[in-house]
Amino acid sequence: MEKALQALNDMEHAGIIRRYAIGGALGALFYMEPVLTYDLDVFVDLPRRPGGLVSLAPAYDYLHAKGCKEDREHIIIDGTPVQLLVPYNALIEEALAEARATVYGQTPTRVFRAEHLAAIMLQTGRPKDRARLAGFCAEATYDKECLAAILDRHGLAAAWVQWRGEG
């Protein structure tokens, strides 16, 4: 995974992507015990083209030139399946903007804050995300006031109360 993060850092330095952060199940690993996951979900902020369109093509072209191959929705970087994702709503955009700097091995990277990961799991609402959220809340250290503010900002406070069984 470290080589994948180095490639992402290189793309950011080259201006192919403006910013990236780790989300999804691997993002949660920075805060809790490992869970089974297949890929590295990386949310990327891409330069806008005329008309406001974004394209992953420059990122894929860059990685293809480095010898990376595609496998369905993934690009394989040194054996790590990486899914490059564009932020698809305001919560993900905020999570990307506020991602915290960390280090994986010897490589600097960014990961979504614990509070954003919890809010995203709640918002996504898939059974596996709700199960992961339960484990996350039991194991991870997170700021409850910060999480409450995020849930309020993104219209998720009632869903949180219902999920917690308080409503």
N, C-alpha and C. Protein backbone atom coordinates (compact mmCIF):
# COMPACT_ATOMS: atom_id res chain seq x y z
N MET A 1 0.82 -1.18 0.00
CA MET A 1 0.00 0.00 0.00
C MET A 1 0.87 1.26 0.00
N GLU A 2 2.06 1.17 0.58
CA GLU A 2 2.90 2.36 0.67
C GLU A 2 3.27 2.89 -0.72
N LYS A 3 3.54 2.00 -1.66
CA LYS A 3 3.87 2.45 -3.02
C LYS A 3 2.66 3.14 -3.66
N ALA A 4 1.47 2.67 -3.36
CA ALA A 4 0.26 3.32 -3.88
C ALA A 4 0.17 4.74 -3.33
N LEU A 5 0.45 4.91 -2.05
CA LEU A 5 0.41 6.24 -1.44
C LEU A 5 1.50 7.14 -2.03
N GLN A 6 2.68 6.57 -2.29
CA GLN A 6 3.74 7.36 -2.92
C GLN A 6 3.32 7.83 -4.30
N ALA A 7 2.64 6.95 -5.06
CA ALA A 7 2.16 7.33 -6.40
C ALA A 7 1.12 8.44 -6.30
N LEU A 8 0.25 8.37 -5.31
CA LEU A 8 -0.75 9.42 -5.11
C LEU A 8 -0.07 10.74 -4.74
N ASN A 9 0.93 10.70 -3.89
CA ASN A 9 1.69 11.90 -3.54
C ASN A 9 2.36 12.49 -4.79
N ASP A 10 2.92 11.62 -5.63
CA ASP A 10 3.57 12.08 -6.86
C ASP A 10 2.55 12.77 -7.77
N MET A 11 1.34 12.19 -7.89
CA MET A 11 0.31 12.81 -8.72
C MET A 11 -0.11 14.17 -8.17
N GLU A 12 -0.16 14.26 -6.86
CA GLU A 12 -0.52 15.54 -6.25
C GLU A 12 0.57 16.58 -6.52
N HIS A 13 1.83 16.21 -6.37
CA HIS A 13 2.93 17.13 -6.61
C HIS A 13 3.00 17.55 -8.08
N ALA A 14 2.59 16.65 -8.97
CA ALA A 14 2.61 16.95 -10.41
C ALA A 14 1.38 17.76 -10.84
N GLY A 15 0.41 17.96 -9.93
CA GLY A 15 -0.78 18.73 -10.26
C GLY A 15 -1.86 17.95 -10.98
N ILE A 16 -1.70 16.64 -11.08
CA ILE A 16 -2.71 15.80 -11.73
C ILE A 16 -3.96 15.72 -10.86
N ILE A 17 -3.75 15.62 -9.56
CA ILE A 17 -4.84 15.75 -8.59
C ILE A 17 -4.47 16.88 -7.66
N ARG A 18 -5.48 17.58 -7.13
CA ARG A 18 -5.19 18.71 -6.24
C ARG A 18 -5.01 18.26 -4.80
N ARG A 19 -5.72 17.21 -4.40
CA ARG A 19 -5.68 16.73 -3.02
C ARG A 19 -6.27 15.32 -3.01
N TYR A 20 -5.82 14.52 -2.09
CA TYR A 20 -6.44 13.20 -1.91
C TYR A 20 -6.48 12.88 -0.43
N ALA A 21 -7.34 11.94 -0.08
CA ALA A 21 -7.39 11.41 1.29
C ALA A 21 -7.96 10.01 1.24
N ILE A 22 -7.53 9.20 2.18
CA ILE A 22 -8.01 7.83 2.30
C ILE A 22 -9.35 7.84 3.04
N GLY A 23 -10.31 7.15 2.49
CA GLY A 23 -11.61 6.98 3.13
C GLY A 23 -11.92 5.50 3.20
N GLY A 24 -13.18 5.17 3.34
CA GLY A 24 -13.62 3.79 3.33
C GLY A 24 -13.06 2.97 4.48
N ALA A 25 -13.07 1.66 4.26
CA ALA A 25 -12.66 0.73 5.32
C ALA A 25 -11.19 0.90 5.70
N LEU A 26 -10.33 1.15 4.72
CA LEU A 26 -8.92 1.36 5.08
C LEU A 26 -8.73 2.65 5.83
N GLY A 27 -9.53 3.65 5.57
CA GLY A 27 -9.48 4.87 6.36
C GLY A 27 -9.81 4.58 7.81
N ALA A 28 -10.79 3.72 8.02
CA ALA A 28 -11.19 3.35 9.38
C ALA A 28 -10.08 2.61 10.13
N LEU A 29 -9.20 1.93 9.38
CA LEU A 29 -8.11 1.19 10.02
C LEU A 29 -7.16 2.09 10.80
N PHE A 30 -7.14 3.37 10.47
CA PHE A 30 -6.27 4.30 11.20
C PHE A 30 -6.84 4.57 12.60
N TYR A 31 -8.07 4.11 12.86
CA TYR A 31 -8.73 4.41 14.13
C TYR A 31 -9.20 3.18 14.90
N MET A 32 -9.24 2.01 14.27
CA MET A 32 -9.79 0.82 14.93
C MET A 32 -9.09 -0.44 14.44
N GLU A 33 -9.49 -1.56 15.02
CA GLU A 33 -8.95 -2.86 14.63
C GLU A 33 -9.25 -3.14 13.17
N PRO A 34 -8.37 -3.87 12.49
CA PRO A 34 -8.57 -4.15 11.07
C PRO A 34 -9.88 -4.89 10.79
N VAL A 35 -10.46 -4.55 9.65
CA VAL A 35 -11.61 -5.28 9.11
C VAL A 35 -11.23 -5.72 7.72
N LEU A 36 -11.86 -6.76 7.24
CA LEU A 36 -11.56 -7.28 5.92
C LEU A 36 -12.00 -6.28 4.86
N THR A 37 -11.09 -5.91 4.00
CA THR A 37 -11.41 -5.04 2.88
C THR A 37 -10.52 -5.42 1.71
N TYR A 38 -10.98 -5.11 0.54
CA TYR A 38 -10.32 -5.53 -0.68
C TYR A 38 -9.44 -4.44 -1.28
N ASP A 39 -9.83 -3.18 -1.09
CA ASP A 39 -9.17 -2.12 -1.83
C ASP A 39 -8.92 -0.88 -0.99
N LEU A 40 -8.18 0.03 -1.58
CA LEU A 40 -7.88 1.31 -0.99
C LEU A 40 -8.78 2.35 -1.66
N ASP A 41 -9.74 2.90 -0.92
CA ASP A 41 -10.62 3.94 -1.44
C ASP A 41 -9.94 5.28 -1.23
N VAL A 42 -9.68 5.98 -2.32
CA VAL A 42 -9.00 7.27 -2.26
C VAL A 42 -9.90 8.31 -2.93
N PHE A 43 -10.26 9.31 -2.16
CA PHE A 43 -11.07 10.39 -2.70
C PHE A 43 -10.12 11.47 -3.19
N VAL A 44 -10.33 11.92 -4.43
CA VAL A 44 -9.42 12.86 -5.06
C VAL A 44 -10.15 14.12 -5.51
N ASP A 45 -9.49 15.23 -5.30
CA ASP A 45 -9.97 16.51 -5.80
C ASP A 45 -9.20 16.75 -7.09
N LEU A 46 -9.93 16.82 -8.19
CA LEU A 46 -9.32 16.95 -9.51
C LEU A 46 -9.46 18.36 -10.05
N PRO A 47 -8.49 18.79 -10.85
CA PRO A 47 -8.67 20.09 -11.52
C PRO A 47 -9.93 20.06 -12.38
N ARG A 48 -10.64 21.17 -12.41
CA ARG A 48 -11.87 21.29 -13.19
C ARG A 48 -11.52 21.66 -14.64
N ARG A 49 -12.26 21.08 -15.55
CA ARG A 49 -12.13 21.42 -16.97
C ARG A 49 -13.15 22.49 -17.30
N PRO A 50 -13.03 23.09 -18.46
CA PRO A 50 -14.05 24.08 -18.85
C PRO A 50 -15.46 23.49 -18.70
N GLY A 51 -16.36 24.29 -18.17
CA GLY A 51 -17.71 23.82 -17.93
C GLY A 51 -17.87 23.13 -16.59
N GLY A 52 -16.77 23.04 -15.80
CA GLY A 52 -16.85 22.44 -14.48
C GLY A 52 -16.73 20.93 -14.44
N LEU A 53 -16.47 20.30 -15.58
CA LEU A 53 -16.35 18.84 -15.61
C LEU A 53 -15.03 18.38 -15.00
N VAL A 54 -15.06 17.21 -14.40
CA VAL A 54 -13.84 16.59 -13.90
C VAL A 54 -13.66 15.27 -14.63
N SER A 55 -12.41 14.85 -14.75
CA SER A 55 -12.12 13.58 -15.41
C SER A 55 -11.00 12.87 -14.68
N LEU A 56 -11.15 11.58 -14.51
CA LEU A 56 -10.10 10.77 -13.92
C LEU A 56 -9.05 10.37 -14.95
N ALA A 57 -9.29 10.68 -16.23
CA ALA A 57 -8.39 10.26 -17.30
C ALA A 57 -6.94 10.69 -17.06
N PRO A 58 -6.65 11.93 -16.66
CA PRO A 58 -5.23 12.29 -16.43
C PRO A 58 -4.58 11.43 -15.34
N ALA A 59 -5.32 11.10 -14.29
CA ALA A 59 -4.77 10.25 -13.23
C ALA A 59 -4.50 8.84 -13.75
N TYR A 60 -5.44 8.29 -14.50
CA TYR A 60 -5.24 6.96 -15.07
C TYR A 60 -4.12 6.96 -16.09
N ASP A 61 -4.03 8.00 -16.93
CA ASP A 61 -2.95 8.10 -17.91
C ASP A 61 -1.60 8.12 -17.20
N TYR A 62 -1.50 8.91 -16.13
CA TYR A 62 -0.26 9.01 -15.36
C TYR A 62 0.12 7.62 -14.80
N LEU A 63 -0.84 6.94 -14.21
CA LEU A 63 -0.56 5.63 -13.61
C LEU A 63 -0.28 4.57 -14.66
N HIS A 64 -0.96 4.62 -15.81
CA HIS A 64 -0.65 3.68 -16.90
C HIS A 64 0.79 3.86 -17.35
N ALA A 65 1.24 5.12 -17.44
CA ALA A 65 2.62 5.40 -17.87
C ALA A 65 3.63 4.85 -16.86
N LYS A 66 3.20 4.65 -15.61
CA LYS A 66 4.07 4.08 -14.57
C LYS A 66 3.95 2.55 -14.53
N GLY A 67 3.19 1.97 -15.46
CA GLY A 67 3.08 0.52 -15.54
C GLY A 67 1.89 -0.07 -14.80
N CYS A 68 1.02 0.76 -14.26
CA CYS A 68 -0.15 0.26 -13.53
C CYS A 68 -1.22 -0.21 -14.51
N LYS A 69 -1.95 -1.22 -14.11
CA LYS A 69 -3.01 -1.80 -14.95
C LYS A 69 -4.35 -1.62 -14.27
N GLU A 70 -5.40 -1.59 -15.07
CA GLU A 70 -6.76 -1.51 -14.55
C GLU A 70 -7.32 -2.91 -14.32
N ASP A 71 -8.17 -3.02 -13.32
CA ASP A 71 -8.93 -4.24 -13.04
C ASP A 71 -10.31 -3.79 -12.59
N ARG A 72 -11.26 -3.84 -13.49
CA ARG A 72 -12.62 -3.33 -13.27
C ARG A 72 -12.55 -1.88 -12.80
N GLU A 73 -13.08 -1.58 -11.63
CA GLU A 73 -13.12 -0.19 -11.16
C GLU A 73 -11.84 0.23 -10.45
N HIS A 74 -10.84 -0.62 -10.44
CA HIS A 74 -9.59 -0.34 -9.72
C HIS A 74 -8.44 -0.10 -10.67
N ILE A 75 -7.46 0.60 -10.16
CA ILE A 75 -6.14 0.68 -10.80
C ILE A 75 -5.19 0.00 -9.82
N ILE A 76 -4.40 -0.94 -10.31
CA ILE A 76 -3.52 -1.72 -9.45
C ILE A 76 -2.17 -1.02 -9.38
N ILE A 77 -1.82 -0.56 -8.18
CA ILE A 77 -0.55 0.13 -7.95
C ILE A 77 0.29 -0.76 -7.05
N ASP A 78 1.33 -1.35 -7.63
CA ASP A 78 2.23 -2.24 -6.89
C ASP A 78 1.45 -3.31 -6.12
N GLY A 79 0.46 -3.90 -6.78
CA GLY A 79 -0.33 -4.98 -6.18
C GLY A 79 -1.51 -4.52 -5.34
N THR A 80 -1.64 -3.22 -5.09
CA THR A 80 -2.74 -2.71 -4.28
C THR A 80 -3.87 -2.21 -5.18
N PRO A 81 -5.07 -2.79 -5.07
CA PRO A 81 -6.20 -2.27 -5.84
C PRO A 81 -6.64 -0.93 -5.25
N VAL A 82 -6.59 0.11 -6.06
CA VAL A 82 -6.94 1.46 -5.63
C VAL A 82 -8.16 1.92 -6.41
N GLN A 83 -9.15 2.39 -5.70
CA GLN A 83 -10.32 2.97 -6.35
C GLN A 83 -10.25 4.48 -6.16
N LEU A 84 -10.08 5.20 -7.26
CA LEU A 84 -10.06 6.66 -7.23
C LEU A 84 -11.49 7.15 -7.32
N LEU A 85 -11.91 7.91 -6.34
CA LEU A 85 -13.30 8.37 -6.25
C LEU A 85 -13.34 9.89 -6.17
N VAL A 86 -14.29 10.46 -6.89
CA VAL A 86 -14.51 11.90 -6.84
C VAL A 86 -15.54 12.16 -5.75
N PRO A 87 -15.34 13.17 -4.91
CA PRO A 87 -16.34 13.47 -3.89
C PRO A 87 -17.72 13.66 -4.53
N TYR A 88 -18.71 12.96 -4.00
CA TYR A 88 -20.04 12.95 -4.62
C TYR A 88 -21.10 13.71 -3.84
N ASN A 89 -20.72 14.28 -2.70
CA ASN A 89 -21.67 15.12 -1.96
C ASN A 89 -20.90 16.03 -1.01
N ALA A 90 -21.63 16.92 -0.35
CA ALA A 90 -20.99 17.92 0.51
C ALA A 90 -20.24 17.29 1.69
N LEU A 91 -20.74 16.19 2.23
CA LEU A 91 -20.07 15.53 3.35
C LEU A 91 -18.69 15.02 2.91
N ILE A 92 -18.62 14.38 1.75
CA ILE A 92 -17.34 13.86 1.25
C ILE A 92 -16.40 15.02 0.92
N GLU A 93 -16.92 16.09 0.34
CA GLU A 93 -16.09 17.26 0.04
C GLU A 93 -15.48 17.83 1.33
N GLU A 94 -16.30 17.92 2.37
CA GLU A 94 -15.81 18.42 3.65
C GLU A 94 -14.77 17.47 4.24
N ALA A 95 -15.03 16.18 4.16
CA ALA A 95 -14.09 15.18 4.70
C ALA A 95 -12.74 15.28 3.99
N LEU A 96 -12.76 15.48 2.69
CA LEU A 96 -11.53 15.60 1.94
C LEU A 96 -10.79 16.88 2.33
N ALA A 97 -11.51 17.97 2.44
CA ALA A 97 -10.90 19.26 2.79
C ALA A 97 -10.29 19.24 4.19
N GLU A 98 -10.91 18.49 5.12
CA GLU A 98 -10.46 18.48 6.51
C GLU A 98 -9.68 17.23 6.90
N ALA A 99 -9.29 16.42 5.91
CA ALA A 99 -8.54 15.19 6.20
C ALA A 99 -7.28 15.52 6.98
N ARG A 100 -6.92 14.59 7.86
CA ARG A 100 -5.75 14.83 8.71
C ARG A 100 -4.50 14.20 8.10
N ALA A 101 -3.40 14.90 8.25
CA ALA A 101 -2.12 14.40 7.78
C ALA A 101 -1.64 13.31 8.72
N THR A 102 -1.07 12.27 8.15
CA THR A 102 -0.50 11.17 8.93
C THR A 102 0.62 10.55 8.12
N VAL A 103 1.20 9.50 8.64
CA VAL A 103 2.26 8.79 7.93
C VAL A 103 1.90 7.31 7.94
N TYR A 104 2.05 6.66 6.79
CA TYR A 104 1.89 5.22 6.69
C TYR A 104 3.26 4.67 6.32
N GLY A 105 3.85 3.85 7.20
CA GLY A 105 5.22 3.40 6.97
C GLY A 105 6.13 4.62 7.01
N GLN A 106 6.73 4.94 5.88
CA GLN A 106 7.59 6.12 5.74
C GLN A 106 6.95 7.19 4.86
N THR A 107 5.68 6.97 4.47
CA THR A 107 5.06 7.82 3.46
C THR A 107 4.01 8.75 4.05
N PRO A 108 4.17 10.05 3.84
CA PRO A 108 3.12 10.97 4.29
C PRO A 108 1.85 10.75 3.47
N THR A 109 0.73 10.87 4.13
CA THR A 109 -0.57 10.70 3.48
C THR A 109 -1.61 11.48 4.26
N ARG A 110 -2.85 11.40 3.81
CA ARG A 110 -3.97 11.99 4.54
C ARG A 110 -5.08 10.95 4.63
N VAL A 111 -5.81 11.03 5.74
CA VAL A 111 -6.94 10.13 5.97
C VAL A 111 -8.09 10.97 6.50
N PHE A 112 -9.31 10.58 6.13
CA PHE A 112 -10.48 11.28 6.65
C PHE A 112 -10.45 11.24 8.17
N ARG A 113 -10.93 12.31 8.79
CA ARG A 113 -11.05 12.34 10.26
C ARG A 113 -12.02 11.24 10.70
N ALA A 114 -11.83 10.76 11.90
CA ALA A 114 -12.70 9.71 12.44
C ALA A 114 -14.17 10.13 12.39
N GLU A 115 -14.44 11.38 12.73
CA GLU A 115 -15.83 11.86 12.78
C GLU A 115 -16.47 11.86 11.39
N HIS A 116 -15.69 12.20 10.37
CA HIS A 116 -16.22 12.16 9.00
C HIS A 116 -16.47 10.72 8.57
N LEU A 117 -15.54 9.83 8.90
CA LEU A 117 -15.75 8.42 8.54
C LEU A 117 -17.04 7.89 9.16
N ALA A 118 -17.29 8.21 10.42
CA ALA A 118 -18.51 7.75 11.08
C ALA A 118 -19.74 8.32 10.39
N ALA A 119 -19.72 9.61 10.08
CA ALA A 119 -20.86 10.23 9.41
C ALA A 119 -21.10 9.62 8.03
N ILE A 120 -20.03 9.31 7.31
CA ILE A 120 -20.16 8.70 5.98
C ILE A 120 -20.74 7.30 6.09
N MET A 121 -20.29 6.53 7.08
CA MET A 121 -20.86 5.18 7.28
C MET A 121 -22.35 5.28 7.55
N LEU A 122 -22.75 6.23 8.36
CA LEU A 122 -24.16 6.43 8.67
C LEU A 122 -24.92 6.85 7.42
N GLN A 123 -24.38 7.80 6.68
CA GLN A 123 -25.04 8.31 5.49
C GLN A 123 -25.18 7.23 4.42
N THR A 124 -24.14 6.44 4.22
CA THR A 124 -24.18 5.39 3.20
C THR A 124 -25.27 4.38 3.53
N GLY A 125 -25.34 3.97 4.77
CA GLY A 125 -26.45 3.15 5.24
C GLY A 125 -26.48 1.71 4.80
N ARG A 126 -25.45 1.23 4.13
CA ARG A 126 -25.42 -0.18 3.75
C ARG A 126 -25.27 -1.03 5.01
N PRO A 127 -25.80 -2.23 5.01
CA PRO A 127 -25.66 -3.09 6.20
C PRO A 127 -24.21 -3.23 6.67
N LYS A 128 -23.26 -3.40 5.74
CA LYS A 128 -21.86 -3.55 6.16
C LYS A 128 -21.33 -2.25 6.78
N ASP A 129 -21.81 -1.11 6.31
CA ASP A 129 -21.37 0.16 6.89
C ASP A 129 -21.96 0.36 8.29
N ARG A 130 -23.19 -0.03 8.48
CA ARG A 130 -23.81 0.10 9.80
C ARG A 130 -23.13 -0.84 10.81
N ALA A 131 -22.76 -2.04 10.36
CA ALA A 131 -22.03 -2.96 11.24
C ALA A 131 -20.65 -2.40 11.55
N ARG A 132 -19.98 -1.85 10.54
CA ARG A 132 -18.65 -1.25 10.75
C ARG A 132 -18.76 -0.04 11.67
N LEU A 133 -19.85 0.72 11.55
CA LEU A 133 -20.07 1.89 12.40
C LEU A 133 -20.17 1.48 13.87
N ALA A 134 -20.85 0.37 14.13
CA ALA A 134 -20.98 -0.11 15.52
C ALA A 134 -19.59 -0.43 16.09
N GLY A 135 -18.78 -1.13 15.33
CA GLY A 135 -17.42 -1.44 15.77
C GLY A 135 -16.58 -0.19 15.91
N PHE A 136 -16.76 0.72 14.98
CA PHE A 136 -16.01 1.97 15.00
C PHE A 136 -16.31 2.77 16.26
N CYS A 137 -17.59 2.90 16.59
CA CYS A 137 -17.98 3.68 17.77
C CYS A 137 -17.49 3.02 19.06
N ALA A 138 -17.38 1.69 19.05
CA ALA A 138 -16.91 0.98 20.24
C ALA A 138 -15.39 1.07 20.40
N GLU A 139 -14.66 1.15 19.29
CA GLU A 139 -13.20 1.06 19.34
C GLU A 139 -12.46 2.37 19.11
N ALA A 140 -12.97 3.19 18.24
CA ALA A 140 -12.23 4.37 17.80
C ALA A 140 -12.36 5.51 18.81
N THR A 141 -11.33 6.32 18.86
CA THR A 141 -11.39 7.54 19.64
C THR A 141 -11.84 8.64 18.70
N TYR A 142 -12.91 9.31 19.06
CA TYR A 142 -13.42 10.40 18.22
C TYR A 142 -14.04 11.46 19.11
N ASP A 143 -14.15 12.65 18.55
CA ASP A 143 -14.69 13.80 19.26
C ASP A 143 -16.21 13.82 19.06
N LYS A 144 -16.95 13.54 20.10
CA LYS A 144 -18.41 13.45 19.99
C LYS A 144 -19.05 14.78 19.61
N GLU A 145 -18.51 15.88 20.11
CA GLU A 145 -19.05 17.19 19.75
C GLU A 145 -18.79 17.51 18.27
N CYS A 146 -17.63 17.17 17.80
CA CYS A 146 -17.29 17.37 16.39
C CYS A 146 -18.21 16.52 15.51
N LEU A 147 -18.41 15.25 15.89
CA LEU A 147 -19.30 14.38 15.14
C LEU A 147 -20.71 14.95 15.13
N ALA A 148 -21.19 15.41 16.26
CA ALA A 148 -22.55 15.99 16.33
C ALA A 148 -22.68 17.19 15.39
N ALA A 149 -21.65 18.02 15.34
CA ALA A 149 -21.68 19.19 14.45
C ALA A 149 -21.71 18.76 12.99
N ILE A 150 -20.93 17.75 12.64
CA ILE A 150 -20.93 17.23 11.27
C ILE A 150 -22.30 16.66 10.92
N LEU A 151 -22.86 15.87 11.83
CA LEU A 151 -24.18 15.27 11.59
C LEU A 151 -25.23 16.36 11.41
N ASP A 152 -25.18 17.40 12.21
CA ASP A 152 -26.12 18.53 12.07
C ASP A 152 -25.96 19.21 10.72
N ARG A 153 -24.72 19.52 10.36
CA ARG A 153 -24.45 20.24 9.09
C ARG A 153 -24.96 19.47 7.88
N HIS A 154 -24.94 18.15 7.97
CA HIS A 154 -25.27 17.33 6.80
C HIS A 154 -26.60 16.61 6.93
N GLY A 155 -27.43 17.06 7.86
CA GLY A 155 -28.78 16.53 7.98
C GLY A 155 -28.85 15.08 8.43
N LEU A 156 -27.90 14.66 9.24
CA LEU A 156 -27.83 13.26 9.67
C LEU A 156 -28.11 13.07 11.16
N ALA A 157 -28.43 14.13 11.88
CA ALA A 157 -28.62 14.02 13.33
C ALA A 157 -29.76 13.06 13.68
N ALA A 158 -30.88 13.15 12.98
CA ALA A 158 -32.01 12.26 13.26
C ALA A 158 -31.66 10.81 12.94
N ALA A 159 -30.92 10.59 11.86
CA ALA A 159 -30.50 9.22 11.51
C ALA A 159 -29.58 8.65 12.59
N TRP A 160 -28.73 9.51 13.17
CA TRP A 160 -27.83 9.08 14.24
C TRP A 160 -28.63 8.65 15.47
N VAL A 161 -29.61 9.46 15.85
CA VAL A 161 -30.46 9.15 17.01
C VAL A 161 -31.18 7.82 16.77
N GLN A 162 -31.70 7.65 15.57
CA GLN A 162 -32.41 6.40 15.24
C GLN A 162 -31.45 5.21 15.26
N TRP A 163 -30.27 5.39 14.66
CA TRP A 163 -29.29 4.30 14.63
C TRP A 163 -28.86 3.91 16.03
N ARG A 164 -28.70 4.89 16.90
CA ARG A 164 -28.29 4.62 18.28
C ARG A 164 -29.44 4.03 19.11
N GLY A 165 -30.66 4.03 18.55
CA GLY A 165 -31.80 3.49 19.27
C GLY A 165 -32.34 4.43 20.33
N GLU A 166 -32.06 5.73 20.14
CA GLU A 166 -32.46 6.72 21.12
C GLU A 166 -33.76 7.41 20.74
N GLY A 167 -34.26 7.12 19.54
CA GLY A 167 -35.43 7.86 19.07
C GLY A 167 -36.67 7.05 18.99
